[in-house]
Amino acid sequence: MECPHCDSETAENSNFCRKCGKPVTQNEATTKLFPKQLSTDSIKSESEDPPDRPHDKVKMGDESQDEGPSPDTLPRSVFLSNLKCALALGAATVVVYLVAKFFAEIYIKPPPNEALTQNDPKLYFIQAVMAAIFLSILYSPIGFPRKSSIPAKGIAREAFDQFLRGWSAIWVTWLLLYLYLGFILHILRDVGIKENVAVQVTVDFLNASTSVAFFYMFLVLDMASVSTKDAPRRNKGFQKGFIIIIVIGLLIFLSSSIGRFNPGKFELGVYLSGIFAALSMSYVFGRLDSHYMNVNRWTLFPLYLYAVIQVIGPTLVHFSGQINKHQTVFFIAALLLKIYLFIVMDYWLRDGYFKEYFNTASDKLEDRRSKK
């Protein structure tokens, strides 16, 4: 038998160890807690993943996913998705402006003594530069969660990537909006009633696109948005909801365009555009108040304020006639609130708030689904 004190071999019927001299009983010597060749240090090292061994599989939902390390930059798929979004929206913006200008030339008759207005495009170029800077920060390691700070679980990880697509798409639409305003007003210089209507319609189109991106973020936060091999229809509700949002956005854009061409008669469409934008932001900001996020309530107040002022925003978007102080106050407030929105969202992204949300929310959704 083996001595429990020094691990040396001793006689079966011996009461004392031949080497260390300590008393040995049969019960003590039968089994040791750790074999000689396996120390506690080796057990600890085996319980951890060695650097060259693949990470274990994690069961998430209906399929296993790799829990591999999180990247420290925006995933390539998100970048490509937003590049396509920028190209598509950029082309659509040009088409919308040309179509609106065509109809404005036909249906709008300016008064004979129409006064042309000069707009300074510098303000819009400044906001375009700001949006470009924030996008570059988002796509760089400076403004992105570090390794192990974003969800590693399969479904939660994919949902997080979808959320990032929506978040960066919002800044793509704002970048296009202010680039468009800067260039078009720089080219036109003098803005009359026809040019004013065409610009207003195009601004409404880009604002509607921003609202759709906000609603997309909300759907990702609120619904099962990722399908699996075992449950390919898991995200059916999410896809259906997003299609409905796109249709509603197009209808509201058409109604606001009619209101631009017929001021005083169909202004309801213009207000609907602002209400649609306010609702899209409110839904997202309300979801951020979830216990899964655990954010301070006071940080949400400026965001709700930003959502509220969207209701009157479309009524202040005009570029002919004298620009009043209400417009100036609105654009400055919107600029400051955009900066605040980016700062708080970037902090929550980097500090792991969304990691906790998507991991917990995915588990809750799977529990609810398994009980049905």
Protein backbone atom coordinates (compact mmCIF):
# COMPACT_ATOMS: atom_id res chain seq x y z
CA MET A 1 0.00 0.00 0.00
CA GLU A 2 0.93 3.71 -0.33
CA CYS A 3 1.74 6.07 2.55
CA PRO A 4 -0.76 8.96 2.60
CA HIS A 5 1.97 11.32 3.91
CA CYS A 6 5.01 10.79 1.66
CA ASP A 7 3.56 8.60 -1.15
CA SER A 8 6.17 5.89 -0.66
CA GLU A 9 5.33 2.18 -0.83
CA THR A 10 5.11 0.29 2.47
CA ALA A 11 4.12 -3.18 3.61
CA GLU A 12 0.42 -4.07 3.56
CA ASN A 13 0.22 -4.90 7.26
CA SER A 14 2.62 -2.23 8.49
CA ASN A 15 1.38 0.31 11.05
CA PHE A 16 4.18 2.78 10.32
CA CYS A 17 5.74 4.08 7.08
CA ARG A 18 9.24 2.71 6.40
CA LYS A 19 10.38 6.07 4.97
CA CYS A 20 8.80 8.88 7.02
CA GLY A 21 7.93 6.85 10.14
CA LYS A 22 4.46 8.29 10.46
CA PRO A 23 1.60 6.02 11.50
CA VAL A 24 -0.34 4.43 8.66
CA THR A 25 -3.72 2.75 8.87
CA GLN A 26 -5.48 0.75 6.21
CA ASN A 27 -8.34 3.30 5.87
CA GLU A 28 -5.97 6.20 5.45
CA ALA A 29 -3.91 4.50 2.77
CA THR A 30 -6.64 3.09 0.57
CA THR A 31 -7.37 6.27 -1.43
CA LYS A 32 -5.80 9.66 -1.75
CA LEU A 33 -7.68 12.78 -2.77
CA PHE A 34 -5.24 13.61 -5.56
CA PRO A 35 -3.08 10.99 -7.31
CA LYS A 36 0.63 11.49 -7.26
CA GLN A 37 0.83 12.42 -10.93
CA LEU A 38 -2.06 14.95 -10.73
CA SER A 39 -1.51 17.99 -8.53
CA THR A 40 -3.97 20.77 -7.82
CA ASP A 41 -2.01 23.06 -10.11
CA SER A 42 -2.39 20.65 -13.00
CA ILE A 43 -6.14 20.39 -12.33
CA LYS A 44 -6.42 24.16 -12.41
CA SER A 45 -4.49 24.40 -15.63
CA GLU A 46 -6.66 21.74 -17.27
CA SER A 47 -9.84 23.53 -16.22
CA GLU A 48 -8.74 26.58 -18.21
CA ASP A 49 -8.52 26.74 -21.98
CA PRO A 50 -4.90 26.48 -23.15
CA PRO A 51 -3.96 29.23 -25.60
CA ASP A 52 -3.76 26.87 -28.58
CA ARG A 53 -6.93 24.87 -27.89
CA PRO A 54 -10.25 25.87 -29.53
CA HIS A 55 -12.87 27.26 -27.22
CA ASP A 56 -15.55 24.91 -26.05
CA LYS A 57 -18.97 24.86 -27.59
CA VAL A 58 -21.71 26.76 -25.86
CA LYS A 59 -25.26 25.60 -26.13
CA MET A 60 -27.40 28.58 -27.03
CA GLY A 61 -30.96 28.14 -28.18
CA ASP A 62 -31.22 25.21 -30.54
CA GLU A 63 -27.67 25.02 -31.81
CA SER A 64 -24.10 25.04 -30.55
CA GLN A 65 -22.00 28.05 -31.30
CA ASP A 66 -18.33 28.82 -30.84
CA GLU A 67 -17.69 31.09 -27.91
CA GLY A 68 -14.50 32.38 -29.53
CA PRO A 69 -12.86 35.66 -28.63
CA SER A 70 -14.71 38.85 -29.49
CA PRO A 71 -13.16 41.15 -32.09
CA ASP A 72 -11.91 44.60 -31.09
CA THR A 73 -13.25 46.30 -34.23
CA LEU A 74 -16.62 46.34 -35.93
CA PRO A 75 -17.24 43.01 -37.72
CA ARG A 76 -16.55 43.06 -41.45
CA SER A 77 -20.12 42.00 -42.19
CA VAL A 78 -21.44 45.11 -40.40
CA PHE A 79 -19.09 47.34 -42.39
CA LEU A 80 -20.14 45.80 -45.71
CA SER A 81 -23.80 46.04 -44.75
CA ASN A 82 -23.48 49.75 -44.02
CA LEU A 83 -21.45 50.37 -47.16
CA LYS A 84 -24.28 48.87 -49.21
CA CYS A 85 -26.76 50.92 -47.21
CA ALA A 86 -24.82 54.13 -47.91
CA LEU A 87 -24.59 53.41 -51.65
CA ALA A 88 -28.26 52.48 -51.95
CA LEU A 89 -29.50 55.46 -49.93
CA GLY A 90 -27.13 57.81 -51.73
CA ALA A 91 -28.46 56.72 -55.13
CA ALA A 92 -32.06 56.87 -53.87
CA THR A 93 -31.50 60.39 -52.52
CA VAL A 94 -30.39 61.65 -55.93
CA VAL A 95 -33.42 60.01 -57.58
CA VAL A 96 -35.83 61.46 -55.00
CA TYR A 97 -34.42 64.96 -55.47
CA LEU A 98 -34.60 64.80 -59.28
CA VAL A 99 -38.17 63.46 -59.23
CA ALA A 100 -39.26 66.07 -56.69
CA LYS A 101 -37.58 68.82 -58.75
CA PHE A 102 -39.34 67.56 -61.90
CA PHE A 103 -42.79 67.73 -60.29
CA ALA A 104 -41.99 71.06 -58.66
CA GLU A 105 -41.24 72.56 -62.09
CA ILE A 106 -44.63 71.33 -63.35
CA TYR A 107 -47.03 71.97 -60.46
CA ILE A 108 -45.55 74.86 -58.47
CA LYS A 109 -46.02 78.37 -59.75
CA PRO A 110 -43.86 80.86 -57.85
CA PRO A 111 -45.20 84.37 -57.32
CA PRO A 112 -43.90 86.97 -59.77
CA ASN A 113 -42.11 88.89 -57.05
CA GLU A 114 -40.55 85.79 -55.44
CA ALA A 115 -37.59 86.58 -53.23
CA LEU A 116 -34.69 84.14 -53.43
CA THR A 117 -32.87 83.16 -50.25
CA GLN A 118 -29.20 82.48 -49.79
CA ASN A 119 -28.31 79.71 -47.34
CA ASP A 120 -24.89 79.17 -45.83
CA PRO A 121 -23.97 75.49 -46.36
CA LYS A 122 -21.17 75.61 -43.77
CA LEU A 123 -23.50 74.60 -40.92
CA TYR A 124 -24.52 71.45 -42.77
CA PHE A 125 -20.96 70.57 -43.75
CA ILE A 126 -19.97 70.89 -40.08
CA GLN A 127 -22.67 68.41 -39.08
CA ALA A 128 -21.64 66.09 -41.93
CA VAL A 129 -18.05 66.16 -40.66
CA MET A 130 -19.32 65.39 -37.14
CA ALA A 131 -21.28 62.38 -38.41
CA ALA A 132 -18.24 61.17 -40.38
CA ILE A 133 -16.02 61.45 -37.28
CA PHE A 134 -18.49 59.50 -35.16
CA LEU A 135 -18.73 56.80 -37.84
CA SER A 136 -14.94 56.52 -38.01
CA ILE A 137 -14.82 56.23 -34.20
CA LEU A 138 -17.45 53.50 -34.32
CA TYR A 139 -15.43 51.56 -36.90
CA SER A 140 -12.19 51.90 -34.94
CA PRO A 141 -10.99 50.20 -31.73
CA ILE A 142 -11.38 53.55 -29.94
CA GLY A 143 -15.15 53.40 -29.84
CA PHE A 144 -15.80 49.69 -29.94
CA PRO A 145 -16.05 47.10 -27.15
CA ARG A 146 -12.77 45.45 -26.34
CA LYS A 147 -12.26 41.69 -26.37
CA SER A 148 -14.53 39.79 -24.02
CA SER A 149 -16.74 42.88 -23.67
CA ILE A 150 -19.39 41.80 -26.18
CA PRO A 151 -21.54 38.69 -26.16
CA ALA A 152 -19.68 35.50 -27.03
CA LYS A 153 -22.79 33.33 -27.14
CA GLY A 154 -23.95 32.51 -30.66
CA ILE A 155 -27.46 33.94 -30.86
CA ALA A 156 -26.71 36.93 -28.64
CA ARG A 157 -23.57 37.66 -30.64
CA GLU A 158 -25.46 37.69 -33.95
CA ALA A 159 -28.21 39.87 -32.46
CA PHE A 160 -25.54 42.26 -31.24
CA ASP A 161 -24.11 42.49 -34.76
CA GLN A 162 -27.60 43.26 -36.08
CA PHE A 163 -27.94 46.00 -33.49
CA LEU A 164 -24.62 47.49 -34.63
CA ARG A 165 -25.85 47.47 -38.23
CA GLY A 166 -28.84 49.56 -37.23
CA TRP A 167 -26.81 51.91 -35.00
CA SER A 168 -24.20 52.63 -37.65
CA ALA A 169 -26.89 52.90 -40.37
CA ILE A 170 -28.42 55.79 -38.42
CA TRP A 171 -25.16 57.71 -38.67
CA VAL A 172 -24.89 56.81 -42.35
CA THR A 173 -28.30 58.43 -42.99
CA TRP A 174 -27.34 61.52 -41.00
CA LEU A 175 -24.05 61.76 -42.89
CA LEU A 176 -25.90 61.58 -46.21
CA LEU A 177 -28.49 64.10 -45.03
CA TYR A 178 -26.00 66.81 -44.11
CA LEU A 179 -23.71 66.10 -47.07
CA TYR A 180 -26.71 66.43 -49.36
CA LEU A 181 -27.85 69.69 -47.76
CA GLY A 182 -24.35 71.11 -47.84
CA PHE A 183 -23.71 70.28 -51.49
CA ILE A 184 -27.16 71.12 -52.83
CA LEU A 185 -27.28 74.50 -51.08
CA HIS A 186 -23.71 75.21 -52.17
CA ILE A 187 -24.67 74.49 -55.79
CA LEU A 188 -27.99 76.34 -55.74
CA ARG A 189 -26.85 79.35 -53.74
CA ASP A 190 -30.19 81.09 -54.36
CA VAL A 191 -33.16 79.02 -53.22
CA GLY A 192 -36.65 79.69 -54.57
CA ILE A 193 -39.95 77.99 -53.81
CA LYS A 194 -39.40 75.20 -56.37
CA GLU A 195 -35.94 74.32 -55.09
CA ASN A 196 -37.22 74.61 -51.52
CA VAL A 197 -39.92 71.96 -52.08
CA ALA A 198 -37.48 69.57 -53.79
CA VAL A 199 -35.01 69.91 -50.92
CA GLN A 200 -37.75 69.46 -48.32
CA VAL A 201 -38.99 66.24 -49.95
CA THR A 202 -35.46 64.82 -50.07
CA VAL A 203 -34.85 65.73 -46.42
CA ASP A 204 -38.11 63.96 -45.50
CA PHE A 205 -36.91 60.86 -47.37
CA LEU A 206 -33.63 60.72 -45.44
CA ASN A 207 -35.41 61.42 -42.14
CA ALA A 208 -37.83 58.56 -42.86
CA SER A 209 -34.82 56.31 -43.56
CA THR A 210 -33.35 57.27 -40.18
CA SER A 211 -36.66 56.44 -38.48
CA VAL A 212 -36.73 53.02 -40.14
CA ALA A 213 -33.18 52.37 -38.86
CA PHE A 214 -34.27 53.30 -35.32
CA PHE A 215 -37.24 50.93 -35.55
CA TYR A 216 -34.89 48.21 -36.82
CA MET A 217 -32.78 48.66 -33.68
CA PHE A 218 -35.90 48.39 -31.53
CA LEU A 219 -37.00 45.16 -33.22
CA VAL A 220 -33.55 43.65 -32.65
CA LEU A 221 -33.77 44.63 -28.98
CA ASP A 222 -37.34 43.41 -28.58
CA MET A 223 -37.75 40.25 -30.70
CA ALA A 224 -36.01 37.04 -31.66
CA SER A 225 -34.11 38.34 -34.70
CA VAL A 226 -31.71 35.43 -35.34
CA SER A 227 -32.67 32.13 -36.95
CA THR A 228 -30.92 28.82 -36.23
CA LYS A 229 -30.50 25.56 -38.10
CA ASP A 230 -32.94 23.82 -35.83
CA ALA A 231 -35.39 26.76 -35.87
CA PRO A 232 -35.13 28.51 -39.27
CA ARG A 233 -38.40 30.37 -38.68
CA ARG A 234 -37.33 31.68 -35.30
CA ASN A 235 -37.00 35.25 -36.64
CA LYS A 236 -40.19 35.20 -38.73
CA GLY A 237 -41.90 37.78 -36.48
CA PHE A 238 -38.86 40.04 -36.68
CA GLN A 239 -38.78 39.93 -40.49
CA LYS A 240 -42.50 40.56 -40.73
CA GLY A 241 -42.27 43.50 -38.32
CA PHE A 242 -39.39 45.07 -40.27
CA ILE A 243 -41.28 44.80 -43.57
CA ILE A 244 -44.30 46.50 -41.95
CA ILE A 245 -42.07 49.31 -40.69
CA ILE A 246 -40.61 49.85 -44.19
CA VAL A 247 -44.11 50.02 -45.72
CA ILE A 248 -45.28 52.48 -43.05
CA GLY A 249 -42.16 54.58 -43.59
CA LEU A 250 -42.81 54.76 -47.35
CA LEU A 251 -46.47 55.72 -46.82
CA ILE A 252 -45.52 58.47 -44.37
CA PHE A 253 -42.87 59.75 -46.77
CA LEU A 254 -45.45 59.92 -49.57
CA SER A 255 -47.92 61.74 -47.33
CA SER A 256 -45.27 64.26 -46.25
CA SER A 257 -44.30 64.81 -49.90
CA ILE A 258 -47.92 65.62 -50.75
CA GLY A 259 -47.96 68.05 -47.84
CA ARG A 260 -44.84 69.77 -49.16
CA PHE A 261 -46.45 70.30 -52.57
CA ASN A 262 -49.74 71.45 -51.00
CA PRO A 263 -48.90 73.56 -47.94
CA GLY A 264 -51.94 74.51 -45.91
CA LYS A 265 -54.10 71.67 -47.28
CA PHE A 266 -52.24 68.44 -46.50
CA GLU A 267 -49.89 69.51 -43.73
CA LEU A 268 -50.91 66.46 -41.71
CA GLY A 269 -48.44 64.39 -43.72
CA VAL A 270 -45.59 66.68 -42.65
CA TYR A 271 -46.55 66.27 -39.00
CA LEU A 272 -46.85 62.50 -39.46
CA SER A 273 -43.23 62.48 -40.61
CA GLY A 274 -42.18 64.11 -37.33
CA ILE A 275 -44.38 61.81 -35.25
CA PHE A 276 -42.92 58.76 -37.01
CA ALA A 277 -39.38 59.94 -36.16
CA ALA A 278 -40.34 60.67 -32.55
CA LEU A 279 -41.94 57.24 -32.10
CA SER A 280 -38.95 55.41 -33.59
CA MET A 281 -36.57 57.09 -31.15
CA SER A 282 -38.92 56.69 -28.18
CA TYR A 283 -39.26 52.95 -28.77
CA VAL A 284 -35.48 52.49 -28.76
CA PHE A 285 -34.86 54.79 -25.78
CA GLY A 286 -37.68 53.11 -23.85
CA ARG A 287 -36.08 49.71 -24.41
CA LEU A 288 -32.81 51.08 -23.01
CA ASP A 289 -34.68 51.57 -19.73
CA SER A 290 -34.78 47.77 -19.37
CA HIS A 291 -33.49 46.19 -16.17
CA TYR A 292 -31.18 44.13 -18.40
CA MET A 293 -29.31 47.37 -19.24
CA ASN A 294 -29.22 48.76 -15.69
CA VAL A 295 -28.51 52.33 -16.87
CA ASN A 296 -29.05 55.45 -14.78
CA ARG A 297 -32.51 56.87 -15.44
CA TRP A 298 -31.30 60.47 -15.67
CA THR A 299 -29.15 59.64 -18.71
CA LEU A 300 -32.32 58.86 -20.68
CA PHE A 301 -33.99 62.24 -20.14
CA PRO A 302 -32.03 64.12 -22.89
CA LEU A 303 -32.74 61.21 -25.25
CA TYR A 304 -36.49 61.43 -24.66
CA LEU A 305 -36.22 65.19 -25.16
CA TYR A 306 -34.51 64.53 -28.50
CA ALA A 307 -37.40 62.27 -29.48
CA VAL A 308 -40.02 64.86 -28.48
CA ILE A 309 -38.59 67.70 -30.57
CA GLN A 310 -38.76 65.50 -33.69
CA VAL A 311 -42.51 66.23 -33.82
CA ILE A 312 -41.92 69.86 -34.77
CA GLY A 313 -38.71 69.25 -36.75
CA PRO A 314 -40.27 68.76 -40.22
CA THR A 315 -42.28 71.98 -39.91
CA LEU A 316 -39.05 73.93 -39.45
CA VAL A 317 -37.30 72.43 -42.49
CA HIS A 318 -37.50 75.16 -45.15
CA PHE A 319 -34.75 76.87 -47.07
CA SER A 320 -36.53 79.73 -48.84
CA GLY A 321 -37.65 82.87 -47.08
CA GLN A 322 -35.98 84.30 -44.03
CA ILE A 323 -34.55 81.75 -41.60
CA ASN A 324 -36.00 82.52 -38.18
CA LYS A 325 -34.53 82.01 -34.74
CA HIS A 326 -36.71 78.95 -34.10
CA GLN A 327 -34.94 77.09 -36.89
CA THR A 328 -31.55 78.07 -35.52
CA VAL A 329 -32.44 76.94 -32.00
CA PHE A 330 -33.83 73.64 -33.31
CA PHE A 331 -30.76 72.79 -35.40
CA ILE A 332 -28.35 73.68 -32.59
CA ALA A 333 -30.37 71.61 -30.08
CA ALA A 334 -30.49 68.67 -32.52
CA LEU A 335 -26.72 68.90 -33.03
CA LEU A 336 -25.98 68.90 -29.30
CA LEU A 337 -28.38 66.02 -28.66
CA LYS A 338 -26.81 63.98 -31.46
CA ILE A 339 -23.45 64.40 -29.78
CA TYR A 340 -24.94 63.36 -26.43
CA LEU A 341 -26.64 60.34 -28.04
CA PHE A 342 -23.37 59.12 -29.50
CA ILE A 343 -21.43 59.62 -26.25
CA VAL A 344 -23.85 57.66 -24.04
CA MET A 345 -24.40 54.89 -26.59
CA ASP A 346 -20.68 54.52 -27.18
CA TYR A 347 -20.12 54.29 -23.42
CA TRP A 348 -22.79 51.58 -23.06
CA LEU A 349 -21.30 49.67 -25.97
CA ARG A 350 -17.76 49.79 -24.59
CA ASP A 351 -18.75 49.07 -21.00
CA GLY A 352 -20.65 45.87 -21.75
CA TYR A 353 -24.22 47.06 -21.06
CA PHE A 354 -25.46 45.63 -24.35
CA LYS A 355 -23.54 42.42 -23.71
CA GLU A 356 -25.60 41.86 -20.58
CA TYR A 357 -28.81 42.81 -22.37
CA PHE A 358 -28.43 40.48 -25.35
CA ASN A 359 -27.14 37.54 -23.30
CA THR A 360 -29.99 37.81 -20.79
CA ALA A 361 -32.68 38.63 -23.33
CA SER A 362 -31.67 35.69 -25.55
CA ASP A 363 -31.84 33.29 -22.62
CA LYS A 364 -35.28 34.64 -21.64
CA LEU A 365 -36.57 34.25 -25.19
CA GLU A 366 -35.34 30.66 -25.36
CA ASP A 367 -36.94 29.83 -21.98
CA ARG A 368 -40.24 31.32 -23.12
CA ARG A 369 -40.03 29.44 -26.42
CA SER A 370 -39.26 26.10 -24.73
CA LYS A 371 -42.34 26.42 -22.50
CA LYS A 372 -44.71 26.79 -25.44
